[in-house]
C-alpha atoms as a PDB file:
ATOM      1  CA  UNK A   1     -33.696   5.411 -18.897  1.00  0.00           C
ATOM      2  CA  UNK A   2     -30.947   6.921 -16.720  1.00  0.00           C
ATOM      3  CA  UNK A   3     -27.920   8.381 -18.483  1.00  0.00           C
ATOM      4  CA  UNK A   4     -24.431   6.889 -18.116  1.00  0.00           C
ATOM      5  CA  UNK A   5     -23.407   9.830 -15.938  1.00  0.00           C
ATOM      6  CA  UNK A   6     -26.333   9.198 -13.596  1.00  0.00           C
ATOM      7  CA  UNK A   7     -25.595   5.457 -13.555  1.00  0.00           C
ATOM      8  CA  UNK A   8     -21.934   6.179 -12.809  1.00  0.00           C
ATOM      9  CA  UNK A   9     -22.961   8.256  -9.773  1.00  0.00           C
ATOM     10  CA  UNK A  10     -25.241   5.444  -8.572  1.00  0.00           C
ATOM     11  CA  UNK A  11     -22.425   2.920  -9.063  1.00  0.00           C
ATOM     12  CA  UNK A  12     -19.952   5.016  -7.040  1.00  0.00           C
ATOM     13  CA  UNK A  13     -22.493   5.330  -4.216  1.00  0.00           C
ATOM     14  CA  UNK A  14     -23.049   1.564  -4.379  1.00  0.00           C
ATOM     15  CA  UNK A  15     -19.355   0.638  -4.033  1.00  0.00           C
ATOM     16  CA  UNK A  16     -18.910   3.150  -1.207  1.00  0.00           C
ATOM     17  CA  UNK A  17     -21.969   2.219   0.859  1.00  0.00           C
ATOM     18  CA  UNK A  18     -22.862  -1.379  -0.044  1.00  0.00           C
ATOM     19  CA  UNK A  19     -19.407  -2.717  -0.927  1.00  0.00           C
ATOM     20  CA  UNK A  20     -17.564  -0.714   1.732  1.00  0.00           C
ATOM     21  CA  UNK A  21     -14.818   0.558  -0.574  1.00  0.00           C
ATOM     22  CA  UNK A  22     -12.558   3.305   0.753  1.00  0.00           C
ATOM     23  CA  UNK A  23     -13.092   6.914  -0.324  1.00  0.00           C
ATOM     24  CA  UNK A  24      -9.750   6.748  -2.159  1.00  0.00           C
ATOM     25  CA  UNK A  25     -10.979   3.757  -4.213  1.00  0.00           C
ATOM     26  CA  UNK A  26     -14.239   5.544  -5.006  1.00  0.00           C
ATOM     27  CA  UNK A  27     -12.288   8.639  -6.039  1.00  0.00           C
ATOM     28  CA  UNK A  28     -10.037   6.567  -8.339  1.00  0.00           C
ATOM     29  CA  UNK A  29     -12.993   4.744  -9.962  1.00  0.00           C
ATOM     30  CA  UNK A  30     -14.677   8.090 -10.534  1.00  0.00           C
ATOM     31  CA  UNK A  31     -11.569   9.403 -12.300  1.00  0.00           C
ATOM     32  CA  UNK A  32     -11.153   6.294 -14.488  1.00  0.00           C
ATOM     33  CA  UNK A  33     -14.821   6.150 -15.542  1.00  0.00           C
ATOM     34  CA  UNK A  34     -15.051   9.903 -16.144  1.00  0.00           C
ATOM     35  CA  UNK A  35     -12.072   9.664 -18.479  1.00  0.00           C
ATOM     36  CA  UNK A  36     -13.763   6.833 -20.364  1.00  0.00           C
ATOM     37  CA  UNK A  37     -17.041   8.756 -20.707  1.00  0.00           C
ATOM     38  CA  UNK A  38     -15.262  11.940 -21.791  1.00  0.00           C
ATOM     39  CA  UNK A  39     -13.324  10.012 -24.441  1.00  0.00           C
ATOM     40  CA  UNK A  40     -16.335   8.167 -25.860  1.00  0.00           C
ATOM     41  CA  UNK A  41     -18.708  11.163 -25.663  1.00  0.00           C
ATOM     42  CA  UNK A  42     -21.426   8.585 -25.095  1.00  0.00           C
ATOM     43  CA  UNK A  43     -24.207   8.819 -22.532  1.00  0.00           C
ATOM     44  CA  UNK A  44     -26.170   5.677 -23.384  1.00  0.00           C
ATOM     45  CA  UNK A  45     -25.154   2.324 -21.831  1.00  0.00           C
ATOM     46  CA  UNK A  46     -26.505   0.426 -24.855  1.00  0.00           C
ATOM     47  CA  UNK A  47     -23.907   2.104 -27.043  1.00  0.00           C
ATOM     48  CA  UNK A  48     -20.886   0.703 -25.145  1.00  0.00           C
ATOM     49  CA  UNK A  49     -19.391  -1.763 -27.626  1.00  0.00           C
ATOM     50  CA  UNK A  50     -16.235  -3.790 -28.265  1.00  0.00           C
ATOM     51  CA  UNK A  51     -15.165  -1.206 -30.830  1.00  0.00           C
ATOM     52  CA  UNK A  52     -15.643   1.678 -28.398  1.00  0.00           C
ATOM     53  CA  UNK A  53     -13.614  -0.058 -25.690  1.00  0.00           C
ATOM     54  CA  UNK A  54     -10.866  -1.019 -28.160  1.00  0.00           C
ATOM     55  CA  UNK A  55     -10.568   2.603 -29.338  1.00  0.00           C
ATOM     56  CA  UNK A  56     -10.363   3.768 -25.725  1.00  0.00           C
ATOM     57  CA  UNK A  57      -7.628   1.217 -25.031  1.00  0.00           C
ATOM     58  CA  UNK A  58      -5.632   2.404 -28.050  1.00  0.00           C
ATOM     59  CA  UNK A  59      -6.001   5.989 -26.869  1.00  0.00           C
ATOM     60  CA  UNK A  60      -4.910   5.064 -23.320  1.00  0.00           C
ATOM     61  CA  UNK A  61      -1.891   3.175 -24.634  1.00  0.00           C
ATOM     62  CA  UNK A  62      -0.684   6.303 -26.425  1.00  0.00           C
ATOM     63  CA  UNK A  63      -1.109   8.723 -23.522  1.00  0.00           C
ATOM     64  CA  UNK A  64       2.041  10.261 -22.068  1.00  0.00           C
ATOM     65  CA  UNK A  65       2.482  10.106 -18.327  1.00  0.00           C
ATOM     66  CA  UNK A  66       2.038  13.408 -16.505  1.00  0.00           C
ATOM     67  CA  UNK A  67       5.675  13.729 -15.461  1.00  0.00           C
ATOM     68  CA  UNK A  68       7.329  12.362 -18.591  1.00  0.00           C
ATOM     69  CA  UNK A  69       5.802  14.152 -21.573  1.00  0.00           C
ATOM     70  CA  UNK A  70       9.231  15.255 -22.788  1.00  0.00           C
ATOM     71  CA  UNK A  71      10.566  11.689 -22.845  1.00  0.00           C
ATOM     72  CA  UNK A  72       7.467  10.287 -24.540  1.00  0.00           C
ATOM     73  CA  UNK A  73       6.932   7.716 -21.783  1.00  0.00           C
ATOM     74  CA  UNK A  74       3.403   6.328 -21.956  1.00  0.00           C
ATOM     75  CA  UNK A  75       1.050   4.895 -19.341  1.00  0.00           C
ATOM     76  CA  UNK A  76       2.188   1.520 -18.056  1.00  0.00           C
ATOM     77  CA  UNK A  77       0.103  -1.581 -18.798  1.00  0.00           C
ATOM     78  CA  UNK A  78      -0.588  -1.835 -15.075  1.00  0.00           C
ATOM     79  CA  UNK A  79      -2.043   1.693 -14.984  1.00  0.00           C
ATOM     80  CA  UNK A  80      -4.084   1.029 -18.132  1.00  0.00           C
ATOM     81  CA  UNK A  81      -5.527  -2.050 -16.436  1.00  0.00           C
ATOM     82  CA  UNK A  82      -6.840   0.103 -13.577  1.00  0.00           C
ATOM     83  CA  UNK A  83      -9.143   1.813 -16.093  1.00  0.00           C
ATOM     84  CA  UNK A  84     -10.320  -1.541 -17.446  1.00  0.00           C
ATOM     85  CA  UNK A  85     -10.924  -2.947 -13.962  1.00  0.00           C
ATOM     86  CA  UNK A  86     -13.089   0.084 -13.104  1.00  0.00           C
ATOM     87  CA  UNK A  87     -15.000  -0.256 -16.379  1.00  0.00           C
ATOM     88  CA  UNK A  88     -15.590  -3.986 -15.826  1.00  0.00           C
ATOM     89  CA  UNK A  89     -16.887  -3.357 -12.304  1.00  0.00           C
ATOM     90  CA  UNK A  90     -19.227  -0.680 -13.688  1.00  0.00           C
ATOM     91  CA  UNK A  91     -20.547  -3.004 -16.406  1.00  0.00           C
ATOM     92  CA  UNK A  92     -21.146  -5.766 -13.832  1.00  0.00           C
ATOM     93  CA  UNK A  93     -23.134  -3.262 -11.782  1.00  0.00           C
ATOM     94  CA  UNK A  94     -25.215  -2.335 -14.846  1.00  0.00           C
ATOM     95  CA  UNK A  95     -25.961  -6.013 -15.453  1.00  0.00           C
ATOM     96  CA  UNK A  96     -27.117  -6.445 -11.859  1.00  0.00           C
ATOM     97  CA  UNK A  97     -29.406  -3.449 -12.328  1.00  0.00           C
ATOM     98  CA  UNK A  98     -30.723  -5.056 -15.532  1.00  0.00           C
ATOM     99  CA  UNK A  99     -29.440  -2.156 -17.619  1.00  0.00           C
ATOM    100  CA  UNK A 100     -28.586  -3.292 -21.158  1.00  0.00           C
ATOM    101  CA  UNK A 101     -24.945  -2.806 -22.022  1.00  0.00           C
ATOM    102  CA  UNK A 102     -21.798  -4.649 -23.043  1.00  0.00           C
ATOM    103  CA  UNK A 103     -21.038  -7.787 -20.927  1.00  0.00           C
ATOM    104  CA  UNK A 104     -18.153  -7.140 -18.510  1.00  0.00           C
ATOM    105  CA  UNK A 105     -16.602 -10.522 -19.402  1.00  0.00           C
ATOM    106  CA  UNK A 106     -15.731  -9.253 -22.884  1.00  0.00           C
ATOM    107  CA  UNK A 107     -13.061  -6.951 -21.469  1.00  0.00           C
ATOM    108  CA  UNK A 108      -9.700  -8.655 -21.013  1.00  0.00           C
ATOM    109  CA  UNK A 109      -6.896  -7.047 -19.073  1.00  0.00           C
ATOM    110  CA  UNK A 110      -3.599  -6.306 -20.771  1.00  0.00           C
ATOM    111  CA  UNK A 111      -0.777  -8.733 -20.007  1.00  0.00           C
ATOM    112  CA  UNK A 112       1.807  -7.163 -17.730  1.00  0.00           C
ATOM    113  CA  UNK A 113       5.351  -8.256 -17.053  1.00  0.00           C
ATOM    114  CA  UNK A 114       5.891 -10.186 -13.852  1.00  0.00           C
ATOM    115  CA  UNK A 115       6.131  -7.879 -10.894  1.00  0.00           C
ATOM    116  CA  UNK A 116       9.565  -7.507  -9.352  1.00  0.00           C
ATOM    117  CA  UNK A 117      10.305  -6.820  -5.704  1.00  0.00           C
ATOM    118  CA  UNK A 118      12.355  -3.936  -4.403  1.00  0.00           C
ATOM    119  CA  UNK A 119      14.444  -5.494  -1.658  1.00  0.00           C
ATOM    120  CA  UNK A 120      17.460  -4.629   0.444  1.00  0.00           C
ATOM    121  CA  UNK A 121      19.905  -7.090   1.995  1.00  0.00           C
ATOM    122  CA  UNK A 122      19.586  -8.204   5.623  1.00  0.00           C
ATOM    123  CA  UNK A 123      22.798  -6.343   6.398  1.00  0.00           C
ATOM    124  CA  UNK A 124      21.302  -3.155   4.923  1.00  0.00           C
ATOM    125  CA  UNK A 125      18.092  -3.767   6.854  1.00  0.00           C
ATOM    126  CA  UNK A 126      20.020  -3.980  10.132  1.00  0.00           C
ATOM    127  CA  UNK A 127      21.836  -0.738   9.326  1.00  0.00           C
ATOM    128  CA  UNK A 128      18.502   0.912   8.593  1.00  0.00           C
ATOM    129  CA  UNK A 129      16.881  -0.279  11.841  1.00  0.00           C
ATOM    130  CA  UNK A 130      19.898   0.946  13.823  1.00  0.00           C
ATOM    131  CA  UNK A 131      20.117   4.319  12.070  1.00  0.00           C
ATOM    132  CA  UNK A 132      18.195   6.307  14.744  1.00  0.00           C
ATOM    133  CA  UNK A 133      20.753   6.168  17.556  1.00  0.00           C
ATOM    134  CA  UNK A 134      19.907   9.235  19.626  1.00  0.00           C
ATOM    135  CA  UNK A 135      17.784   9.602  22.739  1.00  0.00           C
ATOM    136  CA  UNK A 136      15.912  12.704  21.594  1.00  0.00           C
ATOM    137  CA  UNK A 137      12.215  12.422  20.772  1.00  0.00           C
ATOM    138  CA  UNK A 138      12.749  12.406  16.995  1.00  0.00           C
ATOM    139  CA  UNK A 139      15.190   9.497  17.035  1.00  0.00           C
ATOM    140  CA  UNK A 140      13.036   7.565  19.509  1.00  0.00           C
ATOM    141  CA  UNK A 141      10.032   8.104  17.245  1.00  0.00           C
ATOM    142  CA  UNK A 142      11.903   7.126  14.090  1.00  0.00           C
ATOM    143  CA  UNK A 143      13.299   4.001  15.768  1.00  0.00           C
ATOM    144  CA  UNK A 144       9.755   2.990  16.804  1.00  0.00           C
ATOM    145  CA  UNK A 145       8.465   3.567  13.263  1.00  0.00           C
ATOM    146  CA  UNK A 146      11.169   1.443  11.621  1.00  0.00           C
ATOM    147  CA  UNK A 147      10.931  -1.400  14.133  1.00  0.00           C
ATOM    148  CA  UNK A 148       7.135  -1.462  13.960  1.00  0.00           C
ATOM    149  CA  UNK A 149       7.104  -1.488  10.155  1.00  0.00           C
ATOM    150  CA  UNK A 150       9.463  -4.468  10.008  1.00  0.00           C
ATOM    151  CA  UNK A 151       7.844  -6.292  12.931  1.00  0.00           C
ATOM    152  CA  UNK A 152       4.268  -6.106  11.643  1.00  0.00           C
ATOM    153  CA  UNK A 153       4.419  -5.622   7.854  1.00  0.00           C
ATOM    154  CA  UNK A 154       1.901  -2.790   8.202  1.00  0.00           C
ATOM    155  CA  UNK A 155       0.959  -0.621   5.236  1.00  0.00           C
ATOM    156  CA  UNK A 156       2.034   2.985   5.779  1.00  0.00           C
ATOM    157  CA  UNK A 157      -1.619   4.097   5.973  1.00  0.00           C
ATOM    158  CA  UNK A 158      -2.240   1.494   8.700  1.00  0.00           C
ATOM    159  CA  UNK A 159       0.795   2.697  10.643  1.00  0.00           C
ATOM    160  CA  UNK A 160      -0.453   6.296  10.486  1.00  0.00           C
ATOM    161  CA  UNK A 161      -3.862   5.249  11.828  1.00  0.00           C
ATOM    162  CA  UNK A 162      -2.429   3.822  15.078  1.00  0.00           C
ATOM    163  CA  UNK A 163      -3.295   5.639  18.308  1.00  0.00           C
ATOM    164  CA  UNK A 164      -1.230   6.406  21.397  1.00  0.00           C
ATOM    165  CA  UNK A 165      -3.329   4.068  23.554  1.00  0.00           C
ATOM    166  CA  UNK A 166      -1.744   1.058  21.814  1.00  0.00           C
ATOM    167  CA  UNK A 167      -1.765  -1.997  24.131  1.00  0.00           C
ATOM    168  CA  UNK A 168       1.873  -2.995  24.608  1.00  0.00           C
ATOM    169  CA  UNK A 169       1.055  -5.619  27.229  1.00  0.00           C
ATOM    170  CA  UNK A 170      -0.068  -7.858  24.393  1.00  0.00           C
ATOM    171  CA  UNK A 171       2.100  -9.209  21.591  1.00  0.00           C
ATOM    172  CA  UNK A 172      -0.664  -8.711  19.043  1.00  0.00           C
ATOM    173  CA  UNK A 173      -2.516  -5.810  17.545  1.00  0.00           C
ATOM    174  CA  UNK A 174      -5.820  -5.588  15.662  1.00  0.00           C
ATOM    175  CA  UNK A 175      -5.585  -3.518  12.480  1.00  0.00           C
ATOM    176  CA  UNK A 176      -8.335  -2.265  10.192  1.00  0.00           C
ATOM    177  CA  UNK A 177      -6.875  -2.522   6.709  1.00  0.00           C
ATOM    178  CA  UNK A 178      -8.079  -2.192   3.123  1.00  0.00           C
ATOM    179  CA  UNK A 179     -11.817  -2.480   2.655  1.00  0.00           C
ATOM    180  CA  UNK A 180     -12.347  -2.118   6.408  1.00  0.00           C
ATOM    181  CA  UNK A 181     -11.152  -5.684   7.024  1.00  0.00           C
ATOM    182  CA  UNK A 182      -9.733  -6.346  10.481  1.00  0.00           C
ATOM    183  CA  UNK A 183      -6.677  -8.582  10.908  1.00  0.00           C
ATOM    184  CA  UNK A 184      -4.174  -9.359  13.643  1.00  0.00           C
ATOM    185  CA  UNK A 185      -0.490  -8.458  13.418  1.00  0.00           C
ATOM    186  CA  UNK A 186       2.233  -9.288  15.916  1.00  0.00           C
ATOM    187  CA  UNK A 187       4.747  -7.014  17.621  1.00  0.00           C
ATOM    188  CA  UNK A 188       8.323  -8.163  18.206  1.00  0.00           C
ATOM    189  CA  UNK A 189      10.090  -7.474  21.546  1.00  0.00           C
ATOM    190  CA  UNK A 190      12.384  -4.987  19.743  1.00  0.00           C
ATOM    191  CA  UNK A 191       9.428  -3.054  18.311  1.00  0.00           C
ATOM    192  CA  UNK A 192       7.588  -3.110  21.640  1.00  0.00           C
ATOM    193  CA  UNK A 193      10.646  -1.725  23.459  1.00  0.00           C
ATOM    194  CA  UNK A 194      11.128   1.011  20.829  1.00  0.00           C
ATOM    195  CA  UNK A 195       7.487   2.113  21.047  1.00  0.00           C
ATOM    196  CA  UNK A 196       7.597   2.133  24.871  1.00  0.00           C
ATOM    197  CA  UNK A 197      10.723   4.301  24.873  1.00  0.00           C
ATOM    198  CA  UNK A 198       9.126   6.711  22.414  1.00  0.00           C
ATOM    199  CA  UNK A 199       5.825   6.982  24.303  1.00  0.00           C
ATOM    200  CA  UNK A 200       7.556   7.561  27.642  1.00  0.00           C
ATOM    201  CA  UNK A 201       9.367  10.556  26.084  1.00  0.00           C
ATOM    202  CA  UNK A 202       6.187  12.096  24.667  1.00  0.00           C
ATOM    203  CA  UNK A 203       4.871  15.275  26.345  1.00  0.00           C
ATOM    204  CA  UNK A 204       1.995  16.114  24.021  1.00  0.00           C
ATOM    205  CA  UNK A 205      -1.659  15.136  24.348  1.00  0.00           C
ATOM    206  CA  UNK A 206      -2.265  13.970  20.781  1.00  0.00           C
ATOM    207  CA  UNK A 207      -4.282  10.798  20.260  1.00  0.00           C
ATOM    208  CA  UNK A 208      -2.085   9.709  17.350  1.00  0.00           C
ATOM    209  CA  UNK A 209       0.763   7.260  18.004  1.00  0.00           C
ATOM    210  CA  UNK A 210       3.202   8.984  15.658  1.00  0.00           C
ATOM    211  CA  UNK A 211       3.286  12.773  15.598  1.00  0.00           C
ATOM    212  CA  UNK A 212       5.339  15.571  14.109  1.00  0.00           C
ATOM    213  CA  UNK A 213       8.394  16.577  16.146  1.00  0.00           C
ATOM    214  CA  UNK A 214       9.616  20.155  15.961  1.00  0.00           C
ATOM    215  CA  UNK A 215      13.377  20.443  15.485  1.00  0.00           C
ATOM    216  CA  UNK A 216      13.973  23.911  16.855  1.00  0.00           C
ATOM    217  CA  UNK A 217      11.906  24.577  19.930  1.00  0.00           C
ATOM    218  CA  UNK A 218      12.793  26.653  22.974  1.00  0.00           C
ATOM    219  CA  UNK A 219      13.384  25.147  26.417  1.00  0.00           C
ATOM    220  CA  UNK A 220      10.189  26.786  27.584  1.00  0.00           C
ATOM    221  CA  UNK A 221       8.248  25.146  24.783  1.00  0.00           C
ATOM    222  CA  UNK A 222       9.936  21.811  25.479  1.00  0.00           C
ATOM    223  CA  UNK A 223       8.686  21.819  29.040  1.00  0.00           C
ATOM    224  CA  UNK A 224       5.166  22.740  28.028  1.00  0.00           C
ATOM    225  CA  UNK A 225       2.697  20.105  26.902  1.00  0.00           C
ATOM    226  CA  UNK A 226       1.820  20.550  23.263  1.00  0.00           C
ATOM    227  CA  UNK A 227      -1.799  19.575  22.864  1.00  0.00           C
ATOM    228  CA  UNK A 228      -1.758  20.231  19.133  1.00  0.00           C
ATOM    229  CA  UNK A 229       0.984  17.853  17.947  1.00  0.00           C
ATOM    230  CA  UNK A 230       0.015  16.906  14.392  1.00  0.00           C
ATOM    231  CA  UNK A 231      -0.212  13.227  13.394  1.00  0.00           C
ATOM    232  CA  UNK A 232       2.353  12.058  10.853  1.00  0.00           C
ATOM    233  CA  UNK A 233       1.061  11.724   7.305  1.00  0.00           C
ATOM    234  CA  UNK A 234       1.942   8.874   4.931  1.00  0.00           C
ATOM    235  CA  UNK A 235       4.261  11.238   3.075  1.00  0.00           C
ATOM    236  CA  UNK A 236       6.021  12.163   6.343  1.00  0.00           C
ATOM    237  CA  UNK A 237       6.670   8.502   7.174  1.00  0.00           C
ATOM    238  CA  UNK A 238       8.009   7.925   3.644  1.00  0.00           C
ATOM    239  CA  UNK A 239      10.429  10.836   4.132  1.00  0.00           C
ATOM    240  CA  UNK A 240      11.569   9.478   7.506  1.00  0.00           C
ATOM    241  CA  UNK A 241      12.323   6.029   6.043  1.00  0.00           C
ATOM    242  CA  UNK A 242      14.139   7.586   3.076  1.00  0.00           C
ATOM    243  CA  UNK A 243      16.199   9.842   5.356  1.00  0.00           C
ATOM    244  CA  UNK A 244      17.400   6.936   7.505  1.00  0.00           C
ATOM    245  CA  UNK A 245      18.156   4.808   4.440  1.00  0.00           C
ATOM    246  CA  UNK A 246      20.494   7.578   3.255  1.00  0.00           C
ATOM    247  CA  UNK A 247      22.062   7.873   6.725  1.00  0.00           C
ATOM    248  CA  UNK A 248      22.557   4.099   6.726  1.00  0.00           C
ATOM    249  CA  UNK A 249      24.448   4.331   3.433  1.00  0.00           C
ATOM    250  CA  UNK A 250      21.849   2.454   1.390  1.00  0.00           C
ATOM    251  CA  UNK A 251      21.893   3.567  -2.245  1.00  0.00           C
ATOM    252  CA  UNK A 252      18.647   1.780  -3.211  1.00  0.00           C
ATOM    253  CA  UNK A 253      15.274   3.449  -2.925  1.00  0.00           C
ATOM    254  CA  UNK A 254      13.798   2.433   0.434  1.00  0.00           C
ATOM    255  CA  UNK A 255      10.147   3.048   1.292  1.00  0.00           C
ATOM    256  CA  UNK A 256       7.720   1.770   3.961  1.00  0.00           C
ATOM    257  CA  UNK A 257       6.497  -0.707   1.339  1.00  0.00           C
ATOM    258  CA  UNK A 258      10.028  -2.082   0.956  1.00  0.00           C
ATOM    259  CA  UNK A 259       9.921  -2.738   4.721  1.00  0.00           C
ATOM    260  CA  UNK A 260       6.675  -4.648   4.138  1.00  0.00           C
ATOM    261  CA  UNK A 261       8.385  -6.675   1.403  1.00  0.00           C
ATOM    262  CA  UNK A 262      11.267  -7.459   3.763  1.00  0.00           C
ATOM    263  CA  UNK A 263       8.829  -8.549   6.466  1.00  0.00           C
ATOM    264  CA  UNK A 264       7.065 -10.967   4.085  1.00  0.00           C
ATOM    265  CA  UNK A 265      10.235 -12.435   2.584  1.00  0.00           C
ATOM    266  CA  UNK A 266      11.708 -12.856   6.066  1.00  0.00           C
ATOM    267  CA  UNK A 267       8.681 -14.921   7.172  1.00  0.00           C
ATOM    268  CA  UNK A 268       8.622 -17.100   4.054  1.00  0.00           C
ATOM    269  CA  UNK A 269      12.383 -17.519   3.994  1.00  0.00           C
ATOM    270  CA  UNK A 270      12.231 -18.869   7.542  1.00  0.00           C
ATOM    271  CA  UNK A 271       9.563 -21.443   6.719  1.00  0.00           C
ATOM    272  CA  UNK A 272       6.201 -19.689   7.191  1.00  0.00           C
ATOM    273  CA  UNK A 273       3.417 -20.989   4.932  1.00  0.00           C
ATOM    274  CA  UNK A 274       1.922 -18.805   2.228  1.00  0.00           C
ATOM    275  CA  UNK A 275      -1.626 -18.755   3.653  1.00  0.00           C
ATOM    276  CA  UNK A 276      -0.420 -17.484   7.025  1.00  0.00           C
ATOM    277  CA  UNK A 277       1.643 -14.729   5.411  1.00  0.00           C
ATOM    278  CA  UNK A 278      -1.374 -13.796   3.272  1.00  0.00           C
ATOM    279  CA  UNK A 279      -3.484 -13.399   6.424  1.00  0.00           C
ATOM    280  CA  UNK A 280      -0.860 -11.335   8.260  1.00  0.00           C
ATOM    281  CA  UNK A 281      -0.329  -9.020   5.266  1.00  0.00           C
ATOM    282  CA  UNK A 282      -4.078  -8.634   4.732  1.00  0.00           C
ATOM    283  CA  UNK A 283      -4.005  -9.685   1.075  1.00  0.00           C
ATOM    284  CA  UNK A 284      -7.470 -10.467  -0.294  1.00  0.00           C
ATOM    285  CA  UNK A 285      -5.974 -12.703  -2.995  1.00  0.00           C
ATOM    286  CA  UNK A 286      -3.217 -15.237  -2.371  1.00  0.00           C
ATOM    287  CA  UNK A 287      -1.876 -14.459  -5.856  1.00  0.00           C
ATOM    288  CA  UNK A 288      -0.662 -11.127  -4.455  1.00  0.00           C
ATOM    289  CA  UNK A 289       1.299 -12.960  -1.758  1.00  0.00           C
ATOM    290  CA  UNK A 290       2.799 -15.496  -4.177  1.00  0.00           C
ATOM    291  CA  UNK A 291       5.182 -12.924  -5.636  1.00  0.00           C
ATOM    292  CA  UNK A 292       7.309 -13.347  -2.517  1.00  0.00           C
ATOM    293  CA  UNK A 293       7.896 -17.043  -3.181  1.00  0.00           C
ATOM    294  CA  UNK A 294      10.171 -16.212  -6.137  1.00  0.00           C
ATOM    295  CA  UNK A 295      12.837 -14.835  -3.833  1.00  0.00           C
ATOM    296  CA  UNK A 296      12.319 -16.913  -0.710  1.00  0.00           C
ATOM    297  CA  UNK A 297      12.133 -20.528  -1.761  1.00  0.00           C
ATOM    298  CA  UNK A 298      15.388 -21.469  -0.058  1.00  0.00           C
ATOM    299  CA  UNK A 299      14.281 -25.091   0.128  1.00  0.00           C
ATOM    300  CA  UNK A 300      14.155 -25.458  -3.657  1.00  0.00           C
ATOM    301  CA  UNK A 301      17.522 -23.745  -4.034  1.00  0.00           C
ATOM    302  CA  UNK A 302      19.007 -26.200  -1.545  1.00  0.00           C
ATOM    303  CA  UNK A 303      17.442 -29.165  -3.376  1.00  0.00           C
ATOM    304  CA  UNK A 304      18.869 -27.918  -6.679  1.00  0.00           C
ATOM    305  CA  UNK A 305      22.324 -27.470  -5.188  1.00  0.00           C
ATOM    306  CA  UNK A 306      22.239 -30.881  -3.541  1.00  0.00           C
ATOM    307  CA  UNK A 307      20.990 -32.986  -6.458  1.00  0.00           C
ATOM    308  CA  UNK A 308      21.720 -31.129  -9.696  1.00  0.00           C
ATOM    309  CA  UNK A 309      24.583 -32.303 -11.946  1.00  0.00           C
ATOM    310  CA  UNK A 310      25.986 -34.821  -9.478  1.00  0.00           C
ATOM    311  CA  UNK A 311      28.487 -37.239 -11.068  1.00  0.00           C
END
């Protein structure tokens, strides 16, 4: 019989090739399962028991986070659940391969507190979108990034994957998101204009839509086409959004994902149905989209105001 380490390798290959999971997901599952196997010191699938899993959960619950050892802060319930989700998926795979082990259904996820949204006001959003005011390449690029994030609700990784041959004649754009799933997003006139202005100012030959812009370059270099302009990374886009939030006088933490939250709440607040927003955001589960209804159900607030405590 194959060892647990061998079965883990087979499982990771299975989710990458047959299930089409991203390399990042495979990498995360590998880390979670390796930690479980190292803790249990067990290499036989038959020996995975309720007791073993419970002991692992107790151990996880007492682990300090990497950056907060001094404060004694432990792993969040949400992070602990990632380990359990990976273990359940592995056990389901073993069952499909007719390898005797503990049934995946016996593992229950820890209850987590209801997720809260990081949001900014519409007035703050407008200040953020209008923060890049210049006509230089950097400001034109940053303006295009901010407008496109709010117009489409793209994940930062999806934004970074866009190419310079983007079709701006159309109001829609096909995006390959999580799990390789393709969906359609829509570009507002403001975002389209911002991207056009940015592209018309570009002198490089990079295929990427958003590229690094050098701050201090000579006139000679400015007039020369730079064929090696580097694409922006996710971290770079996060820094750009943060920088403009500070310039706009916003004290809250603002990230590309906050822009995605604002996009979703804006749609729902203006009457869009949940299923449509789910499709545009690329959520596999509508439960993920439902979090936005807590802050956008203007209709119910109006009903309450109109009919509650009337004398």
